[in-house]
Amino acid sequence: MSPARIRRWWYASKKSIPAVNIEIEREDGSCSILKVDLLTAERVLRSSSNELSTDDMHVLESNHRLLQLIERIKRFLSYRPRSSGEVVKKLHRLGCSEQDIRNVVEYLTQSHYLSDEQYARSFVRDCVRLRMLSAKAIRYKLLARGIPKDIAERAIAAEYPDDDMERAKIAAQKTLRRVQSCPREKQYRRVRDALLRLGYSSTTVRQVLTEMFDTSS
């Protein structure tokens, strides 16, 4: 006797991944519904004639679990753009196997829900437009989010302005305006510390400070 049999099946809602719901009756009489993708359903339904082998059940249960993970990660992606590294960390926290993680990331990438190239370029644009981070700081943040180094470098080359020095000067002026009423020594420290936090090199910071404070003395 086979470990399970198909009682009925029907197409799942088209709002999500194209899929089929298959109602399974097990040896002990219990029933469950497994949602699987169309390709998996066609393969099993074509070969099983309603009687399911242990291998068939393994295929259906594995695919059902994969679709549940994909739907969960799609909701995770709906809040804001994510890198593949962030998705992998999320899946690890959910206790997923390495094989399931690879399958989920592969599906989301092929379906254009996940793109490290697009994420990296958008991230750089936001950093340039909304913050005054240096290219070095942006690179560090991209790598920390699991973006491969080559993709990070391409995004910075495409979206980051050429002149780090000019951006450092703009950032310094913004900080200086906020501490205008402070003593000169405190202004100097505040501007210096702000530029360093933004990731500008010590050489760039020294040059900006020299121009800003020497010319105003």
N, C-alpha and C. Protein backbone atom coordinates (compact mmCIF):
# COMPACT_ATOMS: atom_id res chain seq x y z
N MET A 1 0.85 -1.21 0.00
CA MET A 1 0.00 0.00 0.00
C MET A 1 0.87 1.25 0.00
N SER A 2 0.50 2.21 -0.80
CA SER A 2 1.30 3.44 -0.88
C SER A 2 1.10 4.26 0.39
N PRO A 3 2.08 5.07 0.76
CA PRO A 3 1.98 5.86 2.00
C PRO A 3 0.92 6.94 1.94
N ALA A 4 0.43 7.29 0.76
CA ALA A 4 -0.58 8.34 0.64
C ALA A 4 -1.21 8.30 -0.75
N ARG A 5 -2.34 8.96 -0.86
CA ARG A 5 -2.99 9.05 -2.17
C ARG A 5 -3.59 10.45 -2.34
N ILE A 6 -3.78 10.83 -3.59
CA ILE A 6 -4.36 12.13 -3.90
C ILE A 6 -5.88 11.99 -3.88
N ARG A 7 -6.55 12.82 -3.08
CA ARG A 7 -8.01 12.83 -3.06
C ARG A 7 -8.57 13.76 -4.15
N ARG A 8 -7.95 14.95 -4.27
CA ARG A 8 -8.37 15.89 -5.31
C ARG A 8 -7.30 16.96 -5.44
N TRP A 9 -7.41 17.74 -6.49
CA TRP A 9 -6.48 18.86 -6.67
C TRP A 9 -7.19 19.98 -7.41
N TRP A 10 -6.70 21.21 -7.25
CA TRP A 10 -7.27 22.38 -7.92
C TRP A 10 -6.21 23.48 -8.00
N TYR A 11 -6.41 24.37 -8.95
CA TYR A 11 -5.47 25.47 -9.13
C TYR A 11 -5.59 26.46 -7.98
N ALA A 12 -4.45 26.91 -7.50
CA ALA A 12 -4.42 27.88 -6.40
C ALA A 12 -4.69 29.28 -6.95
N SER A 13 -4.89 30.23 -6.05
CA SER A 13 -5.13 31.63 -6.43
C SER A 13 -4.00 32.13 -7.31
N LYS A 14 -4.35 32.92 -8.33
CA LYS A 14 -3.34 33.46 -9.24
C LYS A 14 -2.66 34.70 -8.69
N LYS A 15 -3.02 35.12 -7.47
CA LYS A 15 -2.42 36.32 -6.89
C LYS A 15 -0.95 36.10 -6.52
N SER A 16 -0.57 34.85 -6.31
CA SER A 16 0.81 34.56 -5.92
C SER A 16 1.48 33.71 -6.98
N ILE A 17 2.36 32.83 -6.57
CA ILE A 17 3.07 31.96 -7.51
C ILE A 17 2.08 31.00 -8.17
N PRO A 18 2.12 30.82 -9.51
CA PRO A 18 1.24 29.83 -10.15
C PRO A 18 1.43 28.46 -9.49
N ALA A 19 0.36 27.93 -8.94
CA ALA A 19 0.50 26.72 -8.14
C ALA A 19 -0.77 25.90 -8.16
N VAL A 20 -0.67 24.68 -7.61
CA VAL A 20 -1.78 23.75 -7.50
C VAL A 20 -1.90 23.31 -6.05
N ASN A 21 -3.12 23.26 -5.55
CA ASN A 21 -3.37 22.69 -4.22
C ASN A 21 -3.71 21.21 -4.40
N ILE A 22 -3.03 20.36 -3.68
CA ILE A 22 -3.28 18.91 -3.76
C ILE A 22 -3.69 18.41 -2.39
N GLU A 23 -4.88 17.83 -2.29
CA GLU A 23 -5.33 17.26 -1.01
C GLU A 23 -4.84 15.81 -0.92
N ILE A 24 -4.12 15.54 0.14
CA ILE A 24 -3.48 14.24 0.33
C ILE A 24 -4.16 13.49 1.48
N GLU A 25 -4.45 12.21 1.26
CA GLU A 25 -4.90 11.35 2.36
C GLU A 25 -3.79 10.36 2.68
N ARG A 26 -3.37 10.33 3.93
CA ARG A 26 -2.26 9.47 4.35
C ARG A 26 -2.78 8.12 4.83
N GLU A 27 -1.82 7.23 5.09
CA GLU A 27 -2.18 5.87 5.52
C GLU A 27 -3.04 5.85 6.77
N ASP A 28 -2.76 6.79 7.69
CA ASP A 28 -3.50 6.81 8.95
C ASP A 28 -4.87 7.48 8.83
N GLY A 29 -5.24 7.87 7.62
CA GLY A 29 -6.53 8.49 7.40
C GLY A 29 -6.53 10.01 7.51
N SER A 30 -5.43 10.60 7.97
CA SER A 30 -5.36 12.07 8.09
C SER A 30 -5.21 12.68 6.71
N CYS A 31 -5.72 13.89 6.58
CA CYS A 31 -5.65 14.60 5.30
C CYS A 31 -4.92 15.93 5.46
N SER A 32 -4.26 16.37 4.41
CA SER A 32 -3.60 17.67 4.40
C SER A 32 -3.60 18.20 2.98
N ILE A 33 -3.42 19.51 2.87
CA ILE A 33 -3.38 20.14 1.55
C ILE A 33 -1.98 20.71 1.34
N LEU A 34 -1.35 20.29 0.26
CA LEU A 34 -0.01 20.77 -0.09
C LEU A 34 -0.11 21.67 -1.32
N LYS A 35 0.46 22.86 -1.21
CA LYS A 35 0.50 23.78 -2.33
C LYS A 35 1.86 23.65 -3.01
N VAL A 36 1.85 23.30 -4.30
CA VAL A 36 3.11 23.08 -5.02
C VAL A 36 3.06 23.83 -6.34
N ASP A 37 4.23 24.09 -6.91
CA ASP A 37 4.24 24.83 -8.17
C ASP A 37 3.74 23.94 -9.31
N LEU A 38 3.39 24.57 -10.42
CA LEU A 38 2.76 23.86 -11.53
C LEU A 38 3.62 22.73 -12.08
N LEU A 39 4.91 23.00 -12.24
CA LEU A 39 5.80 21.99 -12.82
C LEU A 39 5.87 20.76 -11.94
N THR A 40 6.01 20.97 -10.63
CA THR A 40 6.06 19.84 -9.70
C THR A 40 4.74 19.08 -9.71
N ALA A 41 3.62 19.81 -9.71
CA ALA A 41 2.31 19.16 -9.71
C ALA A 41 2.13 18.32 -10.96
N GLU A 42 2.48 18.88 -12.12
CA GLU A 42 2.30 18.13 -13.37
C GLU A 42 3.13 16.86 -13.37
N ARG A 43 4.36 16.96 -12.89
CA ARG A 43 5.24 15.79 -12.88
C ARG A 43 4.68 14.68 -11.99
N VAL A 44 4.22 15.05 -10.79
CA VAL A 44 3.71 14.05 -9.85
C VAL A 44 2.37 13.49 -10.31
N LEU A 45 1.47 14.39 -10.74
CA LEU A 45 0.15 13.94 -11.15
C LEU A 45 0.22 13.03 -12.38
N ARG A 46 1.17 13.33 -13.28
CA ARG A 46 1.31 12.53 -14.51
C ARG A 46 1.79 11.12 -14.19
N SER A 47 2.64 10.98 -13.18
CA SER A 47 3.28 9.70 -12.92
C SER A 47 2.62 8.88 -11.82
N SER A 48 1.73 9.50 -11.03
CA SER A 48 1.29 8.82 -9.81
C SER A 48 -0.02 8.05 -9.93
N SER A 49 -0.92 8.44 -10.80
CA SER A 49 -2.28 7.87 -10.89
C SER A 49 -2.93 7.82 -9.51
N ASN A 50 -2.79 8.92 -8.80
CA ASN A 50 -3.39 9.15 -7.47
C ASN A 50 -2.70 8.43 -6.31
N GLU A 51 -1.94 7.38 -6.58
CA GLU A 51 -1.20 6.70 -5.51
C GLU A 51 0.20 7.32 -5.43
N LEU A 52 0.57 7.76 -4.23
CA LEU A 52 1.83 8.48 -4.06
C LEU A 52 2.87 7.62 -3.36
N SER A 53 4.05 7.54 -3.96
CA SER A 53 5.16 6.82 -3.34
C SER A 53 5.83 7.71 -2.28
N THR A 54 6.74 7.11 -1.54
CA THR A 54 7.51 7.89 -0.56
C THR A 54 8.29 9.00 -1.24
N ASP A 55 8.84 8.70 -2.41
CA ASP A 55 9.58 9.74 -3.17
C ASP A 55 8.66 10.86 -3.62
N ASP A 56 7.45 10.49 -4.08
CA ASP A 56 6.47 11.51 -4.49
C ASP A 56 6.15 12.44 -3.32
N MET A 57 5.93 11.86 -2.16
CA MET A 57 5.59 12.66 -0.98
C MET A 57 6.73 13.59 -0.61
N HIS A 58 7.95 13.09 -0.72
CA HIS A 58 9.12 13.92 -0.41
C HIS A 58 9.19 15.11 -1.36
N VAL A 59 8.94 14.87 -2.65
CA VAL A 59 8.97 15.95 -3.64
C VAL A 59 7.89 16.98 -3.34
N LEU A 60 6.68 16.52 -3.07
CA LEU A 60 5.57 17.43 -2.80
C LEU A 60 5.79 18.23 -1.52
N GLU A 61 6.21 17.58 -0.47
CA GLU A 61 6.42 18.27 0.82
C GLU A 61 7.56 19.27 0.72
N SER A 62 8.63 18.90 0.00
CA SER A 62 9.77 19.82 -0.16
C SER A 62 9.35 21.06 -0.95
N ASN A 63 8.57 20.84 -2.01
CA ASN A 63 8.14 21.97 -2.83
C ASN A 63 7.14 22.85 -2.07
N HIS A 64 6.26 22.23 -1.31
CA HIS A 64 5.31 22.98 -0.48
C HIS A 64 6.05 23.88 0.51
N ARG A 65 7.07 23.32 1.15
CA ARG A 65 7.86 24.11 2.11
C ARG A 65 8.57 25.26 1.41
N LEU A 66 9.10 24.99 0.21
CA LEU A 66 9.79 26.03 -0.56
C LEU A 66 8.84 27.18 -0.91
N LEU A 67 7.63 26.87 -1.36
CA LEU A 67 6.67 27.92 -1.71
C LEU A 67 6.27 28.74 -0.48
N GLN A 68 6.15 28.09 0.66
CA GLN A 68 5.83 28.83 1.88
C GLN A 68 6.95 29.82 2.22
N LEU A 69 8.19 29.37 2.07
CA LEU A 69 9.33 30.25 2.34
C LEU A 69 9.36 31.41 1.36
N ILE A 70 9.11 31.13 0.08
CA ILE A 70 9.13 32.19 -0.94
C ILE A 70 8.08 33.25 -0.63
N GLU A 71 6.87 32.82 -0.27
CA GLU A 71 5.81 33.78 0.05
C GLU A 71 6.19 34.60 1.28
N ARG A 72 6.81 33.97 2.25
CA ARG A 72 7.22 34.70 3.46
C ARG A 72 8.29 35.75 3.13
N ILE A 73 9.26 35.37 2.30
CA ILE A 73 10.33 36.31 1.95
C ILE A 73 9.80 37.41 1.03
N LYS A 74 8.82 37.11 0.19
CA LYS A 74 8.22 38.17 -0.64
C LYS A 74 7.57 39.23 0.24
N ARG A 75 6.96 38.81 1.34
CA ARG A 75 6.41 39.80 2.29
C ARG A 75 7.52 40.59 2.94
N PHE A 76 8.62 39.92 3.26
CA PHE A 76 9.81 40.57 3.83
C PHE A 76 10.36 41.62 2.88
N LEU A 77 10.33 41.32 1.57
CA LEU A 77 10.82 42.25 0.56
C LEU A 77 9.86 43.40 0.30
N SER A 78 8.60 43.23 0.68
CA SER A 78 7.60 44.26 0.37
C SER A 78 7.76 45.50 1.24
N TYR A 79 8.42 45.39 2.40
CA TYR A 79 8.57 46.53 3.30
C TYR A 79 9.60 47.53 2.76
N ARG A 80 10.69 47.02 2.20
CA ARG A 80 11.72 47.86 1.60
C ARG A 80 12.64 46.97 0.78
N PRO A 81 13.42 47.52 -0.14
CA PRO A 81 14.35 46.69 -0.92
C PRO A 81 15.38 46.00 0.00
N ARG A 82 15.75 44.81 -0.38
CA ARG A 82 16.74 44.03 0.40
C ARG A 82 17.80 43.47 -0.55
N SER A 83 18.97 43.22 0.00
CA SER A 83 20.01 42.53 -0.75
C SER A 83 19.84 41.03 -0.56
N SER A 84 20.49 40.26 -1.42
CA SER A 84 20.43 38.80 -1.28
C SER A 84 21.06 38.38 0.05
N GLY A 85 22.08 39.12 0.49
CA GLY A 85 22.71 38.81 1.78
C GLY A 85 21.74 38.96 2.94
N GLU A 86 20.90 40.00 2.89
CA GLU A 86 19.89 40.20 3.93
C GLU A 86 18.85 39.09 3.90
N VAL A 87 18.48 38.64 2.71
CA VAL A 87 17.52 37.54 2.58
C VAL A 87 18.11 36.25 3.14
N VAL A 88 19.38 35.99 2.84
CA VAL A 88 20.04 34.79 3.36
C VAL A 88 20.07 34.82 4.89
N LYS A 89 20.39 35.98 5.48
CA LYS A 89 20.40 36.08 6.95
C LYS A 89 19.02 35.80 7.52
N LYS A 90 17.98 36.34 6.88
CA LYS A 90 16.61 36.11 7.32
C LYS A 90 16.27 34.63 7.28
N LEU A 91 16.65 33.96 6.21
CA LEU A 91 16.36 32.53 6.07
C LEU A 91 17.13 31.71 7.09
N HIS A 92 18.36 32.10 7.38
CA HIS A 92 19.12 31.42 8.43
C HIS A 92 18.41 31.55 9.77
N ARG A 93 17.90 32.76 10.05
CA ARG A 93 17.19 32.97 11.32
C ARG A 93 15.92 32.11 11.40
N LEU A 94 15.34 31.79 10.24
CA LEU A 94 14.15 30.94 10.21
C LEU A 94 14.51 29.46 10.31
N GLY A 95 15.81 29.15 10.36
CA GLY A 95 16.26 27.77 10.50
C GLY A 95 16.24 26.97 9.21
N CYS A 96 16.33 27.63 8.07
CA CYS A 96 16.26 26.94 6.78
C CYS A 96 17.56 26.21 6.47
N SER A 97 17.44 25.15 5.69
CA SER A 97 18.62 24.42 5.24
C SER A 97 19.33 25.22 4.14
N GLU A 98 20.60 24.89 3.91
CA GLU A 98 21.35 25.58 2.86
C GLU A 98 20.72 25.37 1.49
N GLN A 99 20.18 24.16 1.27
CA GLN A 99 19.55 23.88 -0.03
C GLN A 99 18.30 24.74 -0.21
N ASP A 100 17.48 24.85 0.83
CA ASP A 100 16.28 25.69 0.73
C ASP A 100 16.66 27.15 0.50
N ILE A 101 17.71 27.60 1.18
CA ILE A 101 18.16 28.99 1.02
C ILE A 101 18.58 29.24 -0.43
N ARG A 102 19.36 28.33 -0.99
CA ARG A 102 19.79 28.49 -2.38
C ARG A 102 18.59 28.51 -3.32
N ASN A 103 17.62 27.62 -3.08
CA ASN A 103 16.45 27.54 -3.95
C ASN A 103 15.60 28.81 -3.87
N VAL A 104 15.42 29.33 -2.67
CA VAL A 104 14.61 30.55 -2.50
C VAL A 104 15.28 31.74 -3.19
N VAL A 105 16.59 31.92 -2.94
CA VAL A 105 17.31 33.05 -3.54
C VAL A 105 17.32 32.92 -5.06
N GLU A 106 17.51 31.71 -5.56
CA GLU A 106 17.52 31.49 -7.01
C GLU A 106 16.16 31.85 -7.62
N TYR A 107 15.10 31.40 -6.98
CA TYR A 107 13.75 31.71 -7.51
C TYR A 107 13.50 33.22 -7.50
N LEU A 108 13.78 33.88 -6.38
CA LEU A 108 13.50 35.31 -6.26
C LEU A 108 14.35 36.13 -7.24
N THR A 109 15.58 35.67 -7.48
CA THR A 109 16.45 36.36 -8.43
C THR A 109 15.94 36.21 -9.86
N GLN A 110 15.59 34.98 -10.22
CA GLN A 110 15.09 34.72 -11.57
C GLN A 110 13.75 35.40 -11.82
N SER A 111 12.97 35.59 -10.75
CA SER A 111 11.65 36.22 -10.89
C SER A 111 11.72 37.74 -10.72
N HIS A 112 12.94 38.27 -10.57
CA HIS A 112 13.18 39.71 -10.47
C HIS A 112 12.62 40.34 -9.20
N TYR A 113 12.38 39.53 -8.18
CA TYR A 113 12.04 40.09 -6.87
C TYR A 113 13.31 40.54 -6.15
N LEU A 114 14.44 40.01 -6.56
CA LEU A 114 15.70 40.24 -5.87
C LEU A 114 16.78 40.55 -6.90
N SER A 115 17.45 41.68 -6.72
CA SER A 115 18.53 42.05 -7.64
C SER A 115 19.57 42.85 -6.87
N ASP A 116 20.73 42.26 -6.64
CA ASP A 116 21.79 42.97 -5.93
C ASP A 116 22.28 44.17 -6.72
N GLU A 117 22.28 44.08 -8.05
CA GLU A 117 22.71 45.20 -8.88
C GLU A 117 21.80 46.41 -8.67
N GLN A 118 20.49 46.19 -8.77
CA GLN A 118 19.54 47.29 -8.59
C GLN A 118 19.57 47.82 -7.16
N TYR A 119 19.64 46.90 -6.21
CA TYR A 119 19.69 47.32 -4.80
C TYR A 119 20.90 48.21 -4.54
N ALA A 120 22.07 47.78 -5.02
CA ALA A 120 23.31 48.52 -4.76
C ALA A 120 23.25 49.92 -5.38
N ARG A 121 22.78 50.01 -6.61
CA ARG A 121 22.72 51.33 -7.26
C ARG A 121 21.72 52.25 -6.57
N SER A 122 20.59 51.70 -6.17
CA SER A 122 19.60 52.49 -5.44
C SER A 122 20.15 52.94 -4.09
N PHE A 123 20.88 52.06 -3.42
CA PHE A 123 21.47 52.38 -2.12
C PHE A 123 22.48 53.53 -2.26
N VAL A 124 23.33 53.46 -3.29
CA VAL A 124 24.32 54.52 -3.50
C VAL A 124 23.62 55.84 -3.81
N ARG A 125 22.60 55.80 -4.66
CA ARG A 125 21.86 57.03 -4.98
C ARG A 125 21.26 57.67 -3.74
N ASP A 126 20.69 56.84 -2.87
CA ASP A 126 20.09 57.37 -1.64
C ASP A 126 21.15 57.98 -0.72
N CYS A 127 22.30 57.32 -0.64
CA CYS A 127 23.39 57.85 0.20
C CYS A 127 23.91 59.17 -0.34
N VAL A 128 23.96 59.29 -1.65
CA VAL A 128 24.44 60.53 -2.28
C VAL A 128 23.41 61.65 -2.09
N ARG A 129 22.14 61.31 -2.24
CA ARG A 129 21.07 62.32 -2.22
C ARG A 129 20.69 62.73 -0.80
N LEU A 130 20.65 61.77 0.10
CA LEU A 130 20.11 62.04 1.44
C LEU A 130 21.18 62.19 2.52
N ARG A 131 22.35 61.65 2.28
CA ARG A 131 23.42 61.70 3.28
C ARG A 131 24.70 62.15 2.58
N MET A 132 25.70 62.47 3.36
CA MET A 132 26.96 62.93 2.76
C MET A 132 28.08 61.90 2.96
N LEU A 133 27.73 60.62 2.91
CA LEU A 133 28.71 59.57 3.12
C LEU A 133 29.77 59.57 2.03
N SER A 134 30.98 59.21 2.42
CA SER A 134 32.06 59.05 1.44
C SER A 134 31.87 57.75 0.67
N ALA A 135 32.60 57.62 -0.43
CA ALA A 135 32.55 56.38 -1.20
C ALA A 135 33.02 55.21 -0.34
N LYS A 136 34.01 55.44 0.50
CA LYS A 136 34.52 54.38 1.38
C LYS A 136 33.44 53.89 2.34
N ALA A 137 32.70 54.82 2.93
CA ALA A 137 31.64 54.44 3.88
C ALA A 137 30.51 53.70 3.17
N ILE A 138 30.17 54.15 1.97
CA ILE A 138 29.11 53.48 1.21
C ILE A 138 29.54 52.07 0.85
N ARG A 139 30.78 51.92 0.42
CA ARG A 139 31.30 50.59 0.08
C ARG A 139 31.21 49.65 1.28
N TYR A 140 31.61 50.16 2.43
CA TYR A 140 31.58 49.35 3.67
C TYR A 140 30.14 48.90 3.96
N LYS A 141 29.19 49.82 3.83
CA LYS A 141 27.80 49.49 4.14
C LYS A 141 27.23 48.49 3.15
N LEU A 142 27.60 48.60 1.88
CA LEU A 142 27.14 47.63 0.89
C LEU A 142 27.69 46.23 1.19
N LEU A 143 28.97 46.16 1.49
CA LEU A 143 29.57 44.86 1.80
C LEU A 143 28.95 44.26 3.05
N ALA A 144 28.63 45.10 4.03
CA ALA A 144 28.01 44.62 5.27
C ALA A 144 26.62 44.05 5.01
N ARG A 145 25.98 44.49 3.93
CA ARG A 145 24.65 43.98 3.57
C ARG A 145 24.74 42.78 2.64
N GLY A 146 25.93 42.26 2.46
CA GLY A 146 26.10 41.05 1.66
C GLY A 146 26.21 41.27 0.17
N ILE A 147 26.41 42.52 -0.25
CA ILE A 147 26.59 42.80 -1.68
C ILE A 147 28.01 42.38 -2.09
N PRO A 148 28.15 41.57 -3.13
CA PRO A 148 29.50 41.19 -3.59
C PRO A 148 30.33 42.43 -3.94
N LYS A 149 31.64 42.34 -3.73
CA LYS A 149 32.51 43.50 -3.92
C LYS A 149 32.44 44.05 -5.33
N ASP A 150 32.40 43.18 -6.35
CA ASP A 150 32.38 43.68 -7.72
C ASP A 150 31.10 44.46 -8.02
N ILE A 151 29.97 44.01 -7.46
CA ILE A 151 28.71 44.73 -7.66
C ILE A 151 28.74 46.06 -6.94
N ALA A 152 29.31 46.08 -5.73
CA ALA A 152 29.43 47.33 -4.97
C ALA A 152 30.28 48.35 -5.73
N GLU A 153 31.38 47.89 -6.29
CA GLU A 153 32.27 48.79 -7.02
C GLU A 153 31.59 49.35 -8.27
N ARG A 154 30.84 48.51 -8.97
CA ARG A 154 30.14 48.99 -10.17
C ARG A 154 29.08 50.03 -9.80
N ALA A 155 28.37 49.79 -8.71
CA ALA A 155 27.32 50.73 -8.28
C ALA A 155 27.92 52.07 -7.90
N ILE A 156 29.03 52.05 -7.18
CA ILE A 156 29.69 53.30 -6.77
C ILE A 156 30.23 54.03 -7.99
N ALA A 157 30.84 53.28 -8.92
CA ALA A 157 31.37 53.91 -10.13
C ALA A 157 30.26 54.57 -10.95
N ALA A 158 29.08 53.95 -10.95
CA ALA A 158 27.98 54.46 -11.77
C ALA A 158 27.22 55.61 -11.12
N GLU A 159 27.12 55.60 -9.79
CA GLU A 159 26.21 56.53 -9.11
C GLU A 159 26.89 57.56 -8.21
N TYR A 160 28.14 57.34 -7.87
CA TYR A 160 28.78 58.24 -6.92
C TYR A 160 29.51 59.38 -7.65
N PRO A 161 29.33 60.63 -7.21
CA PRO A 161 30.06 61.73 -7.87
C PRO A 161 31.57 61.53 -7.81
N ASP A 162 32.26 62.09 -8.80
CA ASP A 162 33.70 61.87 -8.90
C ASP A 162 34.49 62.52 -7.78
N ASP A 163 34.06 63.67 -7.31
CA ASP A 163 34.89 64.49 -6.42
C ASP A 163 34.52 64.29 -4.96
N ASP A 164 35.28 63.43 -4.27
CA ASP A 164 35.08 63.19 -2.84
C ASP A 164 35.38 64.46 -2.04
N MET A 165 36.39 65.22 -2.47
CA MET A 165 36.79 66.42 -1.75
C MET A 165 35.65 67.44 -1.69
N GLU A 166 34.96 67.64 -2.81
CA GLU A 166 33.86 68.60 -2.83
C GLU A 166 32.72 68.18 -1.91
N ARG A 167 32.44 66.88 -1.89
CA ARG A 167 31.39 66.39 -1.00
C ARG A 167 31.80 66.57 0.47
N ALA A 168 33.07 66.36 0.75
CA ALA A 168 33.56 66.55 2.12
C ALA A 168 33.42 68.01 2.54
N LYS A 169 33.69 68.93 1.62
CA LYS A 169 33.56 70.36 1.92
C LYS A 169 32.10 70.73 2.20
N ILE A 170 31.18 70.17 1.42
CA ILE A 170 29.75 70.44 1.63
C ILE A 170 29.32 69.91 2.99
N ALA A 171 29.77 68.70 3.32
CA ALA A 171 29.42 68.11 4.62
C ALA A 171 30.00 68.94 5.76
N ALA A 172 31.22 69.44 5.56
CA ALA A 172 31.86 70.26 6.59
C ALA A 172 31.09 71.56 6.81
N GLN A 173 30.65 72.18 5.73
CA GLN A 173 29.90 73.43 5.84
C GLN A 173 28.57 73.21 6.56
N LYS A 174 27.91 72.10 6.29
CA LYS A 174 26.66 71.79 6.97
C LYS A 174 26.87 71.63 8.47
N THR A 175 27.94 70.93 8.83
CA THR A 175 28.23 70.74 10.26
C THR A 175 28.60 72.06 10.90
N LEU A 176 29.38 72.87 10.20
CA LEU A 176 29.82 74.16 10.75
C LEU A 176 28.63 75.07 11.03
N ARG A 177 27.63 75.04 10.15
CA ARG A 177 26.45 75.89 10.37
C ARG A 177 25.73 75.51 11.66
N ARG A 178 25.76 74.22 12.00
CA ARG A 178 25.07 73.77 13.21
C ARG A 178 25.81 74.15 14.49
N VAL A 179 27.13 74.37 14.36
CA VAL A 179 27.92 74.68 15.57
C VAL A 179 28.50 76.09 15.51
N GLN A 180 27.84 76.96 14.76
CA GLN A 180 28.34 78.32 14.53
C GLN A 180 28.58 79.09 15.83
N SER A 181 27.73 78.82 16.82
CA SER A 181 27.84 79.58 18.07
C SER A 181 28.89 79.02 19.03
N CYS A 182 29.47 77.90 18.70
CA CYS A 182 30.47 77.27 19.58
C CYS A 182 31.82 77.95 19.43
N PRO A 183 32.69 77.80 20.42
CA PRO A 183 34.06 78.31 20.28
C PRO A 183 34.76 77.66 19.09
N ARG A 184 35.75 78.37 18.56
CA ARG A 184 36.43 77.92 17.35
C ARG A 184 37.02 76.53 17.50
N GLU A 185 37.62 76.24 18.65
CA GLU A 185 38.22 74.92 18.87
C GLU A 185 37.17 73.82 18.82
N LYS A 186 35.99 74.10 19.38
CA LYS A 186 34.92 73.10 19.36
C LYS A 186 34.37 72.93 17.94
N GLN A 187 34.28 74.02 17.19
CA GLN A 187 33.84 73.93 15.80
C GLN A 187 34.78 72.99 15.03
N TYR A 188 36.06 73.20 15.23
CA TYR A 188 37.08 72.40 14.54
C TYR A 188 36.87 70.91 14.86
N ARG A 189 36.72 70.59 16.14
CA ARG A 189 36.57 69.18 16.55
C ARG A 189 35.28 68.59 15.99
N ARG A 190 34.20 69.36 16.05
CA ARG A 190 32.92 68.85 15.57
C ARG A 190 32.96 68.56 14.07
N VAL A 191 33.55 69.46 13.30
CA VAL A 191 33.66 69.25 11.86
C VAL A 191 34.56 68.06 11.57
N ARG A 192 35.70 68.01 12.23
CA ARG A 192 36.62 66.88 12.03
C ARG A 192 35.95 65.55 12.32
N ASP A 193 35.29 65.46 13.48
CA ASP A 193 34.66 64.19 13.89
C ASP A 193 33.53 63.80 12.93
N ALA A 194 32.77 64.80 12.47
CA ALA A 194 31.68 64.51 11.53
C ALA A 194 32.21 63.93 10.23
N LEU A 195 33.27 64.52 9.71
CA LEU A 195 33.84 64.03 8.44
C LEU A 195 34.41 62.63 8.59
N LEU A 196 35.03 62.36 9.71
CA LEU A 196 35.58 61.02 9.93
C LEU A 196 34.47 59.99 10.06
N ARG A 197 33.38 60.37 10.73
CA ARG A 197 32.25 59.44 10.85
C ARG A 197 31.63 59.14 9.49
N LEU A 198 31.67 60.12 8.60
CA LEU A 198 31.12 59.93 7.26
C LEU A 198 32.03 59.12 6.35
N GLY A 199 33.21 58.78 6.87
CA GLY A 199 34.09 57.88 6.14
C GLY A 199 35.14 58.53 5.26
N TYR A 200 35.32 59.85 5.38
CA TYR A 200 36.34 60.51 4.57
C TYR A 200 37.73 60.21 5.13
N SER A 201 38.69 60.14 4.25
CA SER A 201 40.05 59.79 4.66
C SER A 201 40.65 60.91 5.51
N SER A 202 41.63 60.55 6.33
CA SER A 202 42.28 61.54 7.18
C SER A 202 42.95 62.62 6.34
N THR A 203 43.45 62.26 5.17
CA THR A 203 44.07 63.25 4.28
C THR A 203 43.05 64.26 3.79
N THR A 204 41.90 63.77 3.36
CA THR A 204 40.82 64.65 2.90
C THR A 204 40.35 65.54 4.04
N VAL A 205 40.18 64.96 5.23
CA VAL A 205 39.70 65.72 6.38
C VAL A 205 40.67 66.84 6.74
N ARG A 206 41.96 66.52 6.75
CA ARG A 206 42.97 67.54 7.07
C ARG A 206 42.93 68.69 6.07
N GLN A 207 42.80 68.35 4.80
CA GLN A 207 42.80 69.38 3.76
C GLN A 207 41.56 70.29 3.89
N VAL A 208 40.41 69.67 4.15
CA VAL A 208 39.18 70.47 4.32
C VAL A 208 39.31 71.38 5.53
N LEU A 209 39.80 70.84 6.63
CA LEU A 209 39.93 71.64 7.85
C LEU A 209 40.92 72.80 7.66
N THR A 210 42.00 72.50 6.96
CA THR A 210 43.00 73.56 6.73
C THR A 210 42.40 74.69 5.92
N GLU A 211 41.70 74.36 4.84
CA GLU A 211 41.08 75.40 4.01
C GLU A 211 40.01 76.16 4.77
N MET A 212 39.21 75.43 5.53
CA MET A 212 38.08 76.06 6.20
C MET A 212 38.51 76.97 7.35
N PHE A 213 39.42 76.50 8.17
CA PHE A 213 39.76 77.27 9.37
C PHE A 213 40.93 78.22 9.18
N ASP A 214 41.85 77.89 8.27
CA ASP A 214 42.96 78.82 8.02
C ASP A 214 42.49 80.06 7.27
N THR A 215 41.57 79.87 6.31
CA THR A 215 41.10 81.02 5.54
C THR A 215 40.17 81.90 6.33
N SER A 216 39.61 81.39 7.42
CA SER A 216 38.69 82.20 8.21
C SER A 216 39.35 82.84 9.41
N SER A 217 40.67 82.66 9.56
CA SER A 217 41.36 83.24 10.71
C SER A 217 41.74 84.69 10.43
